[in-house]
Amino acid sequence: WVRTIFAISGVASFGLMADTLPPLVAWQGQSEQLMQTEASTWVTPAEL
């Protein structure tokens, strides 16, 4: 089992680790309207 964990690499490994975290509480907020889309000239790299 240990060897299997360390054999995984890249983003797939991140996905596995993220899935082991505690359950999420669903969230929605007014602040989501702050985001701009790919169509915007000044969309930030993170927003992409």
PDB file of all heavy atoms in Angstrom:
ATOM      1  N   TRP A   1       0.841  -1.212   0.000  1.00  0.00           N
ATOM      2  CA  TRP A   1       0.000   0.000   0.000  1.00  0.00           C
ATOM      3  C   TRP A   1       0.866   1.248   0.000  1.00  0.00           C
ATOM      4  O   TRP A   1       0.599   2.202  -0.730  1.00  0.00           O
ATOM      5  CB  TRP A   1      -0.898  -0.033   1.229  1.00  0.00           C
ATOM      6  CG  TRP A   1      -1.645   1.248   1.459  1.00  0.00           C
ATOM      7  CD1 TRP A   1      -2.754   1.686   0.803  1.00  0.00           C
ATOM      8  CD2 TRP A   1      -1.334   2.262   2.402  1.00  0.00           C
ATOM      9  NE1 TRP A   1      -3.162   2.905   1.280  1.00  0.00           N
ATOM     10  CE2 TRP A   1      -2.307   3.283   2.267  1.00  0.00           C
ATOM     11  CE3 TRP A   1      -0.324   2.433   3.357  1.00  0.00           C
ATOM     12  CZ2 TRP A   1      -2.295   4.435   3.039  1.00  0.00           C
ATOM     13  CZ3 TRP A   1      -0.322   3.569   4.128  1.00  0.00           C
ATOM     14  CH2 TRP A   1      -1.298   4.557   3.971  1.00  0.00           C
ATOM     15  N   VAL A   2       1.943   1.251   0.808  1.00  0.00           N
ATOM     16  CA  VAL A   2       2.842   2.394   0.857  1.00  0.00           C
ATOM     17  C   VAL A   2       3.499   2.612  -0.502  1.00  0.00           C
ATOM     18  O   VAL A   2       3.577   3.734  -1.004  1.00  0.00           O
ATOM     19  CB  VAL A   2       3.911   2.199   1.956  1.00  0.00           C
ATOM     20  CG1 VAL A   2       4.894   3.342   1.948  1.00  0.00           C
ATOM     21  CG2 VAL A   2       3.241   2.067   3.318  1.00  0.00           C
ATOM     22  N   ARG A   3       3.953   1.520  -1.133  1.00  0.00           N
ATOM     23  CA  ARG A   3       4.615   1.648  -2.431  1.00  0.00           C
ATOM     24  C   ARG A   3       3.637   2.172  -3.480  1.00  0.00           C
ATOM     25  O   ARG A   3       3.999   2.942  -4.360  1.00  0.00           O
ATOM     26  CB  ARG A   3       5.193   0.297  -2.857  1.00  0.00           C
ATOM     27  CG  ARG A   3       6.543  -0.003  -2.216  1.00  0.00           C
ATOM     28  CD  ARG A   3       7.215  -1.183  -2.882  1.00  0.00           C
ATOM     29  NE  ARG A   3       6.567  -2.440  -2.521  1.00  0.00           N
ATOM     30  CZ  ARG A   3       6.928  -3.183  -1.482  1.00  0.00           C
ATOM     31  NH1 ARG A   3       7.913  -2.797  -0.711  1.00  0.00           N
ATOM     32  NH2 ARG A   3       6.305  -4.320  -1.226  1.00  0.00           N
ATOM     33  N   THR A   4       2.372   1.741  -3.395  1.00  0.00           N
ATOM     34  CA  THR A   4       1.371   2.216  -4.345  1.00  0.00           C
ATOM     35  C   THR A   4       1.182   3.718  -4.237  1.00  0.00           C
ATOM     36  O   THR A   4       1.114   4.433  -5.233  1.00  0.00           O
ATOM     37  CB  THR A   4       0.028   1.511  -4.098  1.00  0.00           C
ATOM     38  OG1 THR A   4       0.203   0.110  -4.258  1.00  0.00           O
ATOM     39  CG2 THR A   4      -1.033   1.995  -5.084  1.00  0.00           C
ATOM     40  N   ILE A   5       1.116   4.230  -2.996  1.00  0.00           N
ATOM     41  CA  ILE A   5       0.941   5.673  -2.785  1.00  0.00           C
ATOM     42  C   ILE A   5       2.099   6.448  -3.387  1.00  0.00           C
ATOM     43  O   ILE A   5       1.908   7.432  -4.100  1.00  0.00           O
ATOM     44  CB  ILE A   5       0.833   5.984  -1.277  1.00  0.00           C
ATOM     45  CG1 ILE A   5      -0.497   5.449  -0.733  1.00  0.00           C
ATOM     46  CG2 ILE A   5       0.948   7.476  -1.017  1.00  0.00           C
ATOM     47  CD1 ILE A   5      -1.712   6.155  -1.277  1.00  0.00           C
ATOM     48  N   PHE A   6       3.322   6.012  -3.135  1.00  0.00           N
ATOM     49  CA  PHE A   6       4.485   6.754  -3.606  1.00  0.00           C
ATOM     50  C   PHE A   6       4.760   6.530  -5.090  1.00  0.00           C
ATOM     51  O   PHE A   6       5.523   7.281  -5.693  1.00  0.00           O
ATOM     52  CB  PHE A   6       5.718   6.384  -2.786  1.00  0.00           C
ATOM     53  CG  PHE A   6       5.728   7.048  -1.446  1.00  0.00           C
ATOM     54  CD1 PHE A   6       5.315   6.367  -0.326  1.00  0.00           C
ATOM     55  CD2 PHE A   6       6.110   8.376  -1.316  1.00  0.00           C
ATOM     56  CE1 PHE A   6       5.295   6.982   0.914  1.00  0.00           C
ATOM     57  CE2 PHE A   6       6.090   8.997  -0.080  1.00  0.00           C
ATOM     58  CZ  PHE A   6       5.690   8.297   1.042  1.00  0.00           C
ATOM     59  N   ALA A   7       4.132   5.532  -5.698  1.00  0.00           N
ATOM     60  CA  ALA A   7       4.301   5.322  -7.130  1.00  0.00           C
ATOM     61  C   ALA A   7       3.450   6.291  -7.933  1.00  0.00           C
ATOM     62  O   ALA A   7       3.707   6.548  -9.100  1.00  0.00           O
ATOM     63  CB  ALA A   7       3.925   3.890  -7.494  1.00  0.00           C
ATOM     64  N   ILE A   8       2.404   6.849  -7.300  1.00  0.00           N
ATOM     65  CA  ILE A   8       1.530   7.788  -7.993  1.00  0.00           C
ATOM     66  C   ILE A   8       2.238   9.125  -8.100  1.00  0.00           C
ATOM     67  O   ILE A   8       2.843   9.600  -7.166  1.00  0.00           O
ATOM     68  CB  ILE A   8       0.197   7.945  -7.222  1.00  0.00           C
ATOM     69  CG1 ILE A   8      -0.511   6.599  -7.162  1.00  0.00           C
ATOM     70  CG2 ILE A   8      -0.695   8.982  -7.882  1.00  0.00           C
ATOM     71  CD1 ILE A   8      -1.720   6.604  -6.265  1.00  0.00           C
ATOM     72  N   SER A   9       2.153   9.784  -9.240  1.00  0.00           N
ATOM     73  CA  SER A   9       2.837  11.065  -9.419  1.00  0.00           C
ATOM     74  C   SER A   9       1.925  12.042 -10.131  1.00  0.00           C
ATOM     75  O   SER A   9       0.881  11.678 -10.671  1.00  0.00           O
ATOM     76  CB  SER A   9       4.127  10.883 -10.225  1.00  0.00           C
ATOM     77  OG  SER A   9       3.824  10.384 -11.505  1.00  0.00           O
ATOM     78  N   GLY A  10       2.343  13.334 -10.103  1.00  0.00           N
ATOM     79  CA  GLY A  10       1.646  14.368 -10.852  1.00  0.00           C
ATOM     80  C   GLY A  10       0.325  14.753 -10.229  1.00  0.00           C
ATOM     81  O   GLY A  10       0.040  14.511  -9.067  1.00  0.00           O
ATOM     82  N   VAL A  11      -0.549  15.337 -11.063  1.00  0.00           N
ATOM     83  CA  VAL A  11      -1.812  15.877 -10.585  1.00  0.00           C
ATOM     84  C   VAL A  11      -2.719  14.777 -10.086  1.00  0.00           C
ATOM     85  O   VAL A  11      -3.518  14.969  -9.183  1.00  0.00           O
ATOM     86  CB  VAL A  11      -2.495  16.698 -11.710  1.00  0.00           C
ATOM     87  CG1 VAL A  11      -3.867  17.178 -11.279  1.00  0.00           C
ATOM     88  CG2 VAL A  11      -1.632  17.882 -12.096  1.00  0.00           C
ATOM     89  N   ALA A  12      -2.616  13.588 -10.679  1.00  0.00           N
ATOM     90  CA  ALA A  12      -3.452  12.488 -10.211  1.00  0.00           C
ATOM     91  C   ALA A  12      -3.211  12.225  -8.740  1.00  0.00           C
ATOM     92  O   ALA A  12      -4.132  11.928  -7.983  1.00  0.00           O
ATOM     93  CB  ALA A  12      -3.153  11.236 -11.028  1.00  0.00           C
ATOM     94  N   SER A  13      -1.941  12.321  -8.301  1.00  0.00           N
ATOM     95  CA  SER A  13      -1.635  12.129  -6.890  1.00  0.00           C
ATOM     96  C   SER A  13      -2.296  13.189  -6.038  1.00  0.00           C
ATOM     97  O   SER A  13      -2.795  12.919  -4.972  1.00  0.00           O
ATOM     98  CB  SER A  13      -0.120  12.146  -6.687  1.00  0.00           C
ATOM     99  OG  SER A  13       0.187  12.041  -5.315  1.00  0.00           O
ATOM    100  N   PHE A  14      -2.274  14.447  -6.542  1.00  0.00           N
ATOM    101  CA  PHE A  14      -2.933  15.521  -5.804  1.00  0.00           C
ATOM    102  C   PHE A  14      -4.413  15.213  -5.626  1.00  0.00           C
ATOM    103  O   PHE A  14      -4.985  15.400  -4.570  1.00  0.00           O
ATOM    104  CB  PHE A  14      -2.764  16.851  -6.538  1.00  0.00           C
ATOM    105  CG  PHE A  14      -3.561  17.965  -5.927  1.00  0.00           C
ATOM    106  CD1 PHE A  14      -3.098  18.634  -4.815  1.00  0.00           C
ATOM    107  CD2 PHE A  14      -4.788  18.300  -6.430  1.00  0.00           C
ATOM    108  CE1 PHE A  14      -3.836  19.637  -4.229  1.00  0.00           C
ATOM    109  CE2 PHE A  14      -5.548  19.304  -5.863  1.00  0.00           C
ATOM    110  CZ  PHE A  14      -5.074  19.966  -4.771  1.00  0.00           C
ATOM    111  N   GLY A  15      -5.053  14.707  -6.704  1.00  0.00           N
ATOM    112  CA  GLY A  15      -6.469  14.374  -6.610  1.00  0.00           C
ATOM    113  C   GLY A  15      -6.732  13.329  -5.555  1.00  0.00           C
ATOM    114  O   GLY A  15      -7.694  13.413  -4.797  1.00  0.00           O
ATOM    115  N   LEU A  16      -5.861  12.335  -5.475  1.00  0.00           N
ATOM    116  CA  LEU A  16      -6.019  11.305  -4.463  1.00  0.00           C
ATOM    117  C   LEU A  16      -5.906  11.888  -3.069  1.00  0.00           C
ATOM    118  O   LEU A  16      -6.722  11.620  -2.190  1.00  0.00           O
ATOM    119  CB  LEU A  16      -4.973  10.213  -4.662  1.00  0.00           C
ATOM    120  CG  LEU A  16      -4.970   9.091  -3.611  1.00  0.00           C
ATOM    121  CD1 LEU A  16      -6.262   8.308  -3.671  1.00  0.00           C
ATOM    122  CD2 LEU A  16      -3.784   8.155  -3.833  1.00  0.00           C
ATOM    123  N   MET A  17      -4.891  12.748  -2.856  1.00  0.00           N
ATOM    124  CA  MET A  17      -4.706  13.344  -1.543  1.00  0.00           C
ATOM    125  C   MET A  17      -5.894  14.231  -1.176  1.00  0.00           C
ATOM    126  O   MET A  17      -6.360  14.232  -0.053  1.00  0.00           O
ATOM    127  CB  MET A  17      -3.403  14.154  -1.500  1.00  0.00           C
ATOM    128  CG  MET A  17      -2.151  13.337  -1.738  1.00  0.00           C
ATOM    129  SD  MET A  17      -1.972  11.950  -0.610  1.00  0.00           S
ATOM    130  CE  MET A  17      -1.662  12.841   0.909  1.00  0.00           C
ATOM    131  N   ALA A  18      -6.399  15.011  -2.157  1.00  0.00           N
ATOM    132  CA  ALA A  18      -7.514  15.900  -1.867  1.00  0.00           C
ATOM    133  C   ALA A  18      -8.740  15.116  -1.449  1.00  0.00           C
ATOM    134  O   ALA A  18      -9.517  15.536  -0.595  1.00  0.00           O
ATOM    135  CB  ALA A  18      -7.821  16.772  -3.088  1.00  0.00           C
ATOM    136  N   ASP A  19      -8.953  13.938  -2.076  1.00  0.00           N
ATOM    137  CA  ASP A  19     -10.112  13.131  -1.740  1.00  0.00           C
ATOM    138  C   ASP A  19     -10.067  12.593  -0.323  1.00  0.00           C
ATOM    139  O   ASP A  19     -11.095  12.123   0.198  1.00  0.00           O
ATOM    140  CB  ASP A  19     -10.222  11.960  -2.721  1.00  0.00           C
ATOM    141  CG  ASP A  19     -10.615  12.403  -4.122  1.00  0.00           C
ATOM    142  OD1 ASP A  19     -11.119  13.542  -4.260  1.00  0.00           O
ATOM    143  OD2 ASP A  19     -10.408  11.624  -5.063  1.00  0.00           O
ATOM    144  N   THR A  20      -8.919  12.573   0.289  1.00  0.00           N
ATOM    145  CA  THR A  20      -8.811  12.043   1.653  1.00  0.00           C
ATOM    146  C   THR A  20      -9.124  13.102   2.707  1.00  0.00           C
ATOM    147  O   THR A  20      -9.160  12.778   3.897  1.00  0.00           O
ATOM    148  CB  THR A  20      -7.392  11.504   1.905  1.00  0.00           C
ATOM    149  OG1 THR A  20      -6.458  12.585   1.892  1.00  0.00           O
ATOM    150  CG2 THR A  20      -6.997  10.473   0.863  1.00  0.00           C
ATOM    151  N   LEU A  21      -9.319  14.343   2.299  1.00  0.00           N
ATOM    152  CA  LEU A  21      -9.597  15.404   3.272  1.00  0.00           C
ATOM    153  C   LEU A  21     -11.022  15.299   3.791  1.00  0.00           C
ATOM    154  O   LEU A  21     -11.871  14.659   3.164  1.00  0.00           O
ATOM    155  CB  LEU A  21      -9.351  16.769   2.624  1.00  0.00           C
ATOM    156  CG  LEU A  21      -7.894  17.062   2.255  1.00  0.00           C
ATOM    157  CD1 LEU A  21      -7.788  18.393   1.519  1.00  0.00           C
ATOM    158  CD2 LEU A  21      -7.001  17.078   3.489  1.00  0.00           C
ATOM    159  N   PRO A  22     -11.310  15.928   4.936  1.00  0.00           N
ATOM    160  CA  PRO A  22     -12.658  15.850   5.509  1.00  0.00           C
ATOM    161  C   PRO A  22     -13.722  16.337   4.530  1.00  0.00           C
ATOM    162  O   PRO A  22     -13.438  17.138   3.635  1.00  0.00           O
ATOM    163  CB  PRO A  22     -12.571  16.765   6.732  1.00  0.00           C
ATOM    164  CG  PRO A  22     -11.132  16.748   7.111  1.00  0.00           C
ATOM    165  CD  PRO A  22     -10.389  16.658   5.814  1.00  0.00           C
ATOM    166  N   PRO A  23     -14.955  15.890   4.697  1.00  0.00           N
ATOM    167  CA  PRO A  23     -16.047  16.284   3.788  1.00  0.00           C
ATOM    168  C   PRO A  23     -16.248  17.798   3.796  1.00  0.00           C
ATOM    169  O   PRO A  23     -16.049  18.469   4.804  1.00  0.00           O
ATOM    170  CB  PRO A  23     -17.274  15.564   4.361  1.00  0.00           C
ATOM    171  CG  PRO A  23     -16.725  14.463   5.196  1.00  0.00           C
ATOM    172  CD  PRO A  23     -15.412  14.940   5.728  1.00  0.00           C
ATOM    173  N   LEU A  24     -16.679  18.303   2.634  1.00  0.00           N
ATOM    174  CA  LEU A  24     -16.919  19.727   2.472  1.00  0.00           C
ATOM    175  C   LEU A  24     -18.358  20.085   2.803  1.00  0.00           C
ATOM    176  O   LEU A  24     -19.281  19.311   2.538  1.00  0.00           O
ATOM    177  CB  LEU A  24     -16.650  20.140   1.025  1.00  0.00           C
ATOM    178  CG  LEU A  24     -15.256  20.622   0.660  1.00  0.00           C
ATOM    179  CD1 LEU A  24     -15.163  20.826  -0.848  1.00  0.00           C
ATOM    180  CD2 LEU A  24     -14.938  21.926   1.376  1.00  0.00           C
ATOM    181  N   VAL A  25     -18.535  21.293   3.334  1.00  0.00           N
ATOM    182  CA  VAL A  25     -19.856  21.884   3.443  1.00  0.00           C
ATOM    183  C   VAL A  25     -20.094  22.693   2.175  1.00  0.00           C
ATOM    184  O   VAL A  25     -19.255  23.514   1.784  1.00  0.00           O
ATOM    185  CB  VAL A  25     -19.959  22.791   4.692  1.00  0.00           C
ATOM    186  CG1 VAL A  25     -21.330  23.454   4.764  1.00  0.00           C
ATOM    187  CG2 VAL A  25     -19.671  21.994   5.959  1.00  0.00           C
ATOM    188  N   ALA A  26     -21.203  22.448   1.492  1.00  0.00           N
ATOM    189  CA  ALA A  26     -21.488  23.142   0.234  1.00  0.00           C
ATOM    190  C   ALA A  26     -21.525  24.650   0.464  1.00  0.00           C
ATOM    191  O   ALA A  26     -21.984  25.124   1.505  1.00  0.00           O
ATOM    192  CB  ALA A  26     -22.823  22.658  -0.336  1.00  0.00           C
ATOM    193  N   TRP A  27     -21.008  25.394  -0.554  1.00  0.00           N
ATOM    194  CA  TRP A  27     -20.946  26.860  -0.402  1.00  0.00           C
ATOM    195  C   TRP A  27     -21.340  27.557  -1.682  1.00  0.00           C
ATOM    196  O   TRP A  27     -20.971  27.127  -2.789  1.00  0.00           O
ATOM    197  CB  TRP A  27     -19.531  27.292  -0.027  1.00  0.00           C
ATOM    198  CG  TRP A  27     -19.377  28.788   0.072  1.00  0.00           C
ATOM    199  CD1 TRP A  27     -19.725  29.586   1.115  1.00  0.00           C
ATOM    200  CD2 TRP A  27     -18.858  29.651  -0.938  1.00  0.00           C
ATOM    201  NE1 TRP A  27     -19.449  30.899   0.835  1.00  0.00           N
ATOM    202  CE2 TRP A  27     -18.921  30.976  -0.429  1.00  0.00           C
ATOM    203  CE3 TRP A  27     -18.354  29.463  -2.219  1.00  0.00           C
ATOM    204  CZ2 TRP A  27     -18.486  32.085  -1.149  1.00  0.00           C
ATOM    205  CZ3 TRP A  27     -17.924  30.561  -2.951  1.00  0.00           C
ATOM    206  CH2 TRP A  27     -17.992  31.862  -2.411  1.00  0.00           C
ATOM    207  N   GLN A  28     -22.104  28.632  -1.550  1.00  0.00           N
ATOM    208  CA  GLN A  28     -22.372  29.586  -2.608  1.00  0.00           C
ATOM    209  C   GLN A  28     -22.390  30.958  -1.972  1.00  0.00           C
ATOM    210  O   GLN A  28     -22.834  31.101  -0.823  1.00  0.00           O
ATOM    211  CB  GLN A  28     -23.718  29.327  -3.284  1.00  0.00           C
ATOM    212  CG  GLN A  28     -23.716  28.170  -4.263  1.00  0.00           C
ATOM    213  CD  GLN A  28     -25.045  28.059  -4.988  1.00  0.00           C
ATOM    214  OE1 GLN A  28     -26.098  28.178  -4.375  1.00  0.00           O
ATOM    215  NE2 GLN A  28     -24.986  27.848  -6.300  1.00  0.00           N
ATOM    216  N   GLY A  29     -21.911  31.976  -2.702  1.00  0.00           N
ATOM    217  CA  GLY A  29     -21.868  33.301  -2.108  1.00  0.00           C
ATOM    218  C   GLY A  29     -21.988  34.395  -3.141  1.00  0.00           C
ATOM    219  O   GLY A  29     -21.675  34.200  -4.335  1.00  0.00           O
ATOM    220  N   GLN A  30     -22.406  35.551  -2.692  1.00  0.00           N
ATOM    221  CA  GLN A  30     -22.516  36.721  -3.550  1.00  0.00           C
ATOM    222  C   GLN A  30     -21.170  37.072  -4.178  1.00  0.00           C
ATOM    223  O   GLN A  30     -21.112  37.609  -5.292  1.00  0.00           O
ATOM    224  CB  GLN A  30     -23.038  37.905  -2.717  1.00  0.00           C
ATOM    225  CG  GLN A  30     -23.311  39.183  -3.483  1.00  0.00           C
ATOM    226  CD  GLN A  30     -24.577  39.101  -4.326  1.00  0.00           C
ATOM    227  OE1 GLN A  30     -25.390  38.204  -4.095  1.00  0.00           O
ATOM    228  NE2 GLN A  30     -24.738  40.000  -5.280  1.00  0.00           N
ATOM    229  N   SER A  31     -20.083  36.748  -3.494  1.00  0.00           N
ATOM    230  CA  SER A  31     -18.756  37.109  -3.996  1.00  0.00           C
ATOM    231  C   SER A  31     -18.398  36.385  -5.280  1.00  0.00           C
ATOM    232  O   SER A  31     -17.461  36.793  -5.985  1.00  0.00           O
ATOM    233  CB  SER A  31     -17.697  36.831  -2.926  1.00  0.00           C
ATOM    234  OG  SER A  31     -17.651  35.447  -2.613  1.00  0.00           O
ATOM    235  N   GLU A  32     -19.119  35.314  -5.628  1.00  0.00           N
ATOM    236  CA  GLU A  32     -18.835  34.612  -6.875  1.00  0.00           C
ATOM    237  C   GLU A  32     -19.051  35.509  -8.093  1.00  0.00           C
ATOM    238  O   GLU A  32     -18.482  35.281  -9.157  1.00  0.00           O
ATOM    239  CB  GLU A  32     -19.713  33.361  -6.977  1.00  0.00           C
ATOM    240  CG  GLU A  32     -19.320  32.286  -5.970  1.00  0.00           C
ATOM    241  CD  GLU A  32     -20.238  31.070  -6.025  1.00  0.00           C
ATOM    242  OE1 GLU A  32     -21.422  31.210  -5.668  1.00  0.00           O
ATOM    243  OE2 GLU A  32     -19.759  29.992  -6.437  1.00  0.00           O
ATOM    244  N   GLN A  33     -19.860  36.570  -7.933  1.00  0.00           N
ATOM    245  CA  GLN A  33     -20.105  37.491  -9.029  1.00  0.00           C
ATOM    246  C   GLN A  33     -18.886  38.373  -9.335  1.00  0.00           C
ATOM    247  O   GLN A  33     -18.875  39.085 -10.332  1.00  0.00           O
ATOM    248  CB  GLN A  33     -21.323  38.365  -8.711  1.00  0.00           C
ATOM    249  CG  GLN A  33     -22.618  37.576  -8.558  1.00  0.00           C
ATOM    250  CD  GLN A  33     -23.814  38.466  -8.265  1.00  0.00           C
ATOM    251  OE1 GLN A  33     -23.762  39.676  -8.451  1.00  0.00           O
ATOM    252  NE2 GLN A  33     -24.896  37.858  -7.790  1.00  0.00           N
ATOM    253  N   LEU A  34     -17.878  38.329  -8.456  1.00  0.00           N
ATOM    254  CA  LEU A  34     -16.667  39.105  -8.680  1.00  0.00           C
ATOM    255  C   LEU A  34     -15.805  38.524  -9.788  1.00  0.00           C
ATOM    256  O   LEU A  34     -14.957  39.229 -10.353  1.00  0.00           O
ATOM    257  CB  LEU A  34     -15.839  39.169  -7.389  1.00  0.00           C
ATOM    258  CG  LEU A  34     -16.480  39.878  -6.195  1.00  0.00           C
ATOM    259  CD1 LEU A  34     -15.689  39.600  -4.925  1.00  0.00           C
ATOM    260  CD2 LEU A  34     -16.563  41.374  -6.458  1.00  0.00           C
ATOM    261  N   MET A  35     -16.006  37.257 -10.107  1.00  0.00           N
ATOM    262  CA  MET A  35     -15.137  36.596 -11.085  1.00  0.00           C
ATOM    263  C   MET A  35     -15.458  37.049 -12.497  1.00  0.00           C
ATOM    264  O   MET A  35     -16.610  37.294 -12.843  1.00  0.00           O
ATOM    265  CB  MET A  35     -15.290  35.078 -10.965  1.00  0.00           C
ATOM    266  CG  MET A  35     -14.735  34.502  -9.682  1.00  0.00           C
ATOM    267  SD  MET A  35     -14.967  32.703  -9.624  1.00  0.00           S
ATOM    268  CE  MET A  35     -14.016  32.186 -11.052  1.00  0.00           C
ATOM    269  N   GLN A  36     -14.409  37.152 -13.310  1.00  0.00           N
ATOM    270  CA  GLN A  36     -14.583  37.431 -14.730  1.00  0.00           C
ATOM    271  C   GLN A  36     -14.278  36.171 -15.528  1.00  0.00           C
ATOM    272  O   GLN A  36     -13.617  35.243 -15.050  1.00  0.00           O
ATOM    273  CB  GLN A  36     -13.700  38.594 -15.166  1.00  0.00           C
ATOM    274  CG  GLN A  36     -14.116  39.919 -14.545  1.00  0.00           C
ATOM    275  CD  GLN A  36     -13.471  41.116 -15.205  1.00  0.00           C
ATOM    276  OE1 GLN A  36     -12.772  40.997 -16.208  1.00  0.00           O
ATOM    277  NE2 GLN A  36     -13.722  42.289 -14.645  1.00  0.00           N
ATOM    278  N   THR A  37     -14.758  36.162 -16.763  1.00  0.00           N
ATOM    279  CA  THR A  37     -14.639  34.975 -17.602  1.00  0.00           C
ATOM    280  C   THR A  37     -13.539  35.152 -18.638  1.00  0.00           C
ATOM    281  O   THR A  37     -12.940  36.216 -18.785  1.00  0.00           O
ATOM    282  CB  THR A  37     -15.962  34.698 -18.319  1.00  0.00           C
ATOM    283  OG1 THR A  37     -16.209  35.763 -19.246  1.00  0.00           O
ATOM    284  CG2 THR A  37     -17.115  34.610 -17.324  1.00  0.00           C
ATOM    285  N   GLU A  38     -13.312  34.096 -19.355  1.00  0.00           N
ATOM    286  CA  GLU A  38     -12.290  34.072 -20.397  1.00  0.00           C
ATOM    287  C   GLU A  38     -12.523  35.155 -21.452  1.00  0.00           C
ATOM    288  O   GLU A  38     -11.578  35.633 -22.082  1.00  0.00           O
ATOM    289  CB  GLU A  38     -12.311  32.690 -21.050  1.00  0.00           C
ATOM    290  CG  GLU A  38     -11.221  32.430 -22.033  1.00  0.00           C
ATOM    291  CD  GLU A  38     -11.273  31.007 -22.553  1.00  0.00           C
ATOM    292  OE1 GLU A  38     -12.180  30.248 -22.138  1.00  0.00           O
ATOM    293  OE2 GLU A  38     -10.409  30.658 -23.362  1.00  0.00           O
ATOM    294  N   ALA A  39     -13.770  35.593 -21.589  1.00  0.00           N
ATOM    295  CA  ALA A  39     -14.090  36.601 -22.596  1.00  0.00           C
ATOM    296  C   ALA A  39     -13.599  37.993 -22.221  1.00  0.00           C
ATOM    297  O   ALA A  39     -13.493  38.870 -23.071  1.00  0.00           O
ATOM    298  CB  ALA A  39     -15.601  36.636 -22.832  1.00  0.00           C
ATOM    299  N   SER A  40     -13.290  38.184 -20.949  1.00  0.00           N
ATOM    300  CA  SER A  40     -12.863  39.499 -20.479  1.00  0.00           C
ATOM    301  C   SER A  40     -11.399  39.755 -20.847  1.00  0.00           C
ATOM    302  O   SER A  40     -10.549  38.877 -20.739  1.00  0.00           O
ATOM    303  CB  SER A  40     -13.031  39.597 -18.961  1.00  0.00           C
ATOM    304  OG  SER A  40     -12.393  40.754 -18.469  1.00  0.00           O
ATOM    305  N   THR A  41     -11.117  40.991 -21.251  1.00  0.00           N
ATOM    306  CA  THR A  41      -9.741  41.369 -21.596  1.00  0.00           C
ATOM    307  C   THR A  41      -8.806  41.238 -20.403  1.00  0.00           C
ATOM    308  O   THR A  41      -7.636  40.875 -20.543  1.00  0.00           O
ATOM    309  CB  THR A  41      -9.707  42.823 -22.104  1.00  0.00           C
ATOM    310  OG1 THR A  41     -10.588  42.945 -23.213  1.00  0.00           O
ATOM    311  CG2 THR A  41      -8.292  43.239 -22.484  1.00  0.00           C
ATOM    312  N   TRP A  42      -9.344  41.519 -19.200  1.00  0.00           N
ATOM    313  CA  TRP A  42      -8.494  41.585 -18.013  1.00  0.00           C
ATOM    314  C   TRP A  42      -8.732  40.425 -17.041  1.00  0.00           C
ATOM    315  O   TRP A  42      -8.434  40.533 -15.863  1.00  0.00           O
ATOM    316  CB  TRP A  42      -8.702  42.924 -17.306  1.00  0.00           C
ATOM    317  CG  TRP A  42      -8.201  44.058 -18.138  1.00  0.00           C
ATOM    318  CD1 TRP A  42      -8.925  44.929 -18.888  1.00  0.00           C
ATOM    319  CD2 TRP A  42      -6.837  44.395 -18.358  1.00  0.00           C
ATOM    320  NE1 TRP A  42      -8.109  45.803 -19.551  1.00  0.00           N
ATOM    321  CE2 TRP A  42      -6.815  45.497 -19.243  1.00  0.00           C
ATOM    322  CE3 TRP A  42      -5.625  43.881 -17.896  1.00  0.00           C
ATOM    323  CZ2 TRP A  42      -5.639  46.097 -19.683  1.00  0.00           C
ATOM    324  CZ3 TRP A  42      -4.452  44.470 -18.325  1.00  0.00           C
ATOM    325  CH2 TRP A  42      -4.461  45.564 -19.206  1.00  0.00           C
ATOM    326  N   VAL A  43      -9.240  39.320 -17.550  1.00  0.00           N
ATOM    327  CA  VAL A  43      -9.383  38.143 -16.702  1.00  0.00           C
ATOM    328  C   VAL A  43      -8.007  37.744 -16.180  1.00  0.00           C
ATOM    329  O   VAL A  43      -7.005  37.773 -16.903  1.00  0.00           O
ATOM    330  CB  VAL A  43     -10.042  36.985 -17.482  1.00  0.00           C
ATOM    331  CG1 VAL A  43      -9.184  36.546 -18.658  1.00  0.00           C
ATOM    332  CG2 VAL A  43     -10.340  35.813 -16.562  1.00  0.00           C
ATOM    333  N   THR A  44      -7.909  37.406 -14.910  1.00  0.00           N
ATOM    334  CA  THR A  44      -6.616  37.045 -14.326  1.00  0.00           C
ATOM    335  C   THR A  44      -6.277  35.597 -14.659  1.00  0.00           C
ATOM    336  O   THR A  44      -7.166  34.792 -14.966  1.00  0.00           O
ATOM    337  CB  THR A  44      -6.628  37.217 -12.797  1.00  0.00           C
ATOM    338  OG1 THR A  44      -7.549  36.274 -12.227  1.00  0.00           O
ATOM    339  CG2 THR A  44      -7.043  38.633 -12.407  1.00  0.00           C
ATOM    340  N   PRO A  45      -5.005  35.236 -14.584  1.00  0.00           N
ATOM    341  CA  PRO A  45      -4.631  33.841 -14.864  1.00  0.00           C
ATOM    342  C   PRO A  45      -5.360  32.844 -13.977  1.00  0.00           C
ATOM    343  O   PRO A  45      -5.746  31.769 -14.446  1.00  0.00           O
ATOM    344  CB  PRO A  45      -3.117  33.825 -14.604  1.00  0.00           C
ATOM    345  CG  PRO A  45      -2.682  35.228 -14.864  1.00  0.00           C
ATOM    346  CD  PRO A  45      -3.811  36.094 -14.401  1.00  0.00           C
ATOM    347  N   ALA A  46      -5.564  33.183 -12.713  1.00  0.00           N
ATOM    348  CA  ALA A  46      -6.255  32.254 -11.813  1.00  0.00           C
ATOM    349  C   ALA A  46      -7.716  32.089 -12.199  1.00  0.00           C
ATOM    350  O   ALA A  46      -8.280  30.990 -12.077  1.00  0.00           O
ATOM    351  CB  ALA A  46      -6.136  32.738 -10.371  1.00  0.00           C
ATOM    352  N   GLU A  47      -8.341  33.173 -12.648  1.00  0.00           N
ATOM    353  CA  GLU A  47      -9.750  33.076 -13.054  1.00  0.00           C
ATOM    354  C   GLU A  47      -9.929  32.180 -14.270  1.00  0.00           C
ATOM    355  O   GLU A  47     -10.993  31.569 -14.459  1.00  0.00           O
ATOM    356  CB  GLU A  47     -10.310  34.468 -13.336  1.00  0.00           C
ATOM    357  CG  GLU A  47     -10.548  35.290 -12.079  1.00  0.00           C
ATOM    358  CD  GLU A  47     -10.915  36.730 -12.399  1.00  0.00           C
ATOM    359  OE1 GLU A  47     -10.142  37.406 -13.127  1.00  0.00           O
ATOM    360  OE2 GLU A  47     -11.978  37.173 -11.922  1.00  0.00           O
ATOM    361  N   LEU A  48      -8.896  32.096 -15.115  1.00  0.00           N
ATOM    362  CA  LEU A  48      -8.972  31.201 -16.271  1.00  0.00           C
ATOM    363  C   LEU A  48      -9.142  29.746 -15.843  1.00  0.00           C
ATOM    364  O   LEU A  48      -9.648  28.927 -16.611  1.00  0.00           O
ATOM    365  CB  LEU A  48      -7.715  31.361 -17.133  1.00  0.00           C
ATOM    366  CG  LEU A  48      -7.598  32.670 -17.923  1.00  0.00           C
ATOM    367  CD1 LEU A  48      -6.241  32.760 -18.607  1.00  0.00           C
ATOM    368  CD2 LEU A  48      -8.725  32.783 -18.953  1.00  0.00           C
TER     369      LEU A  48
END
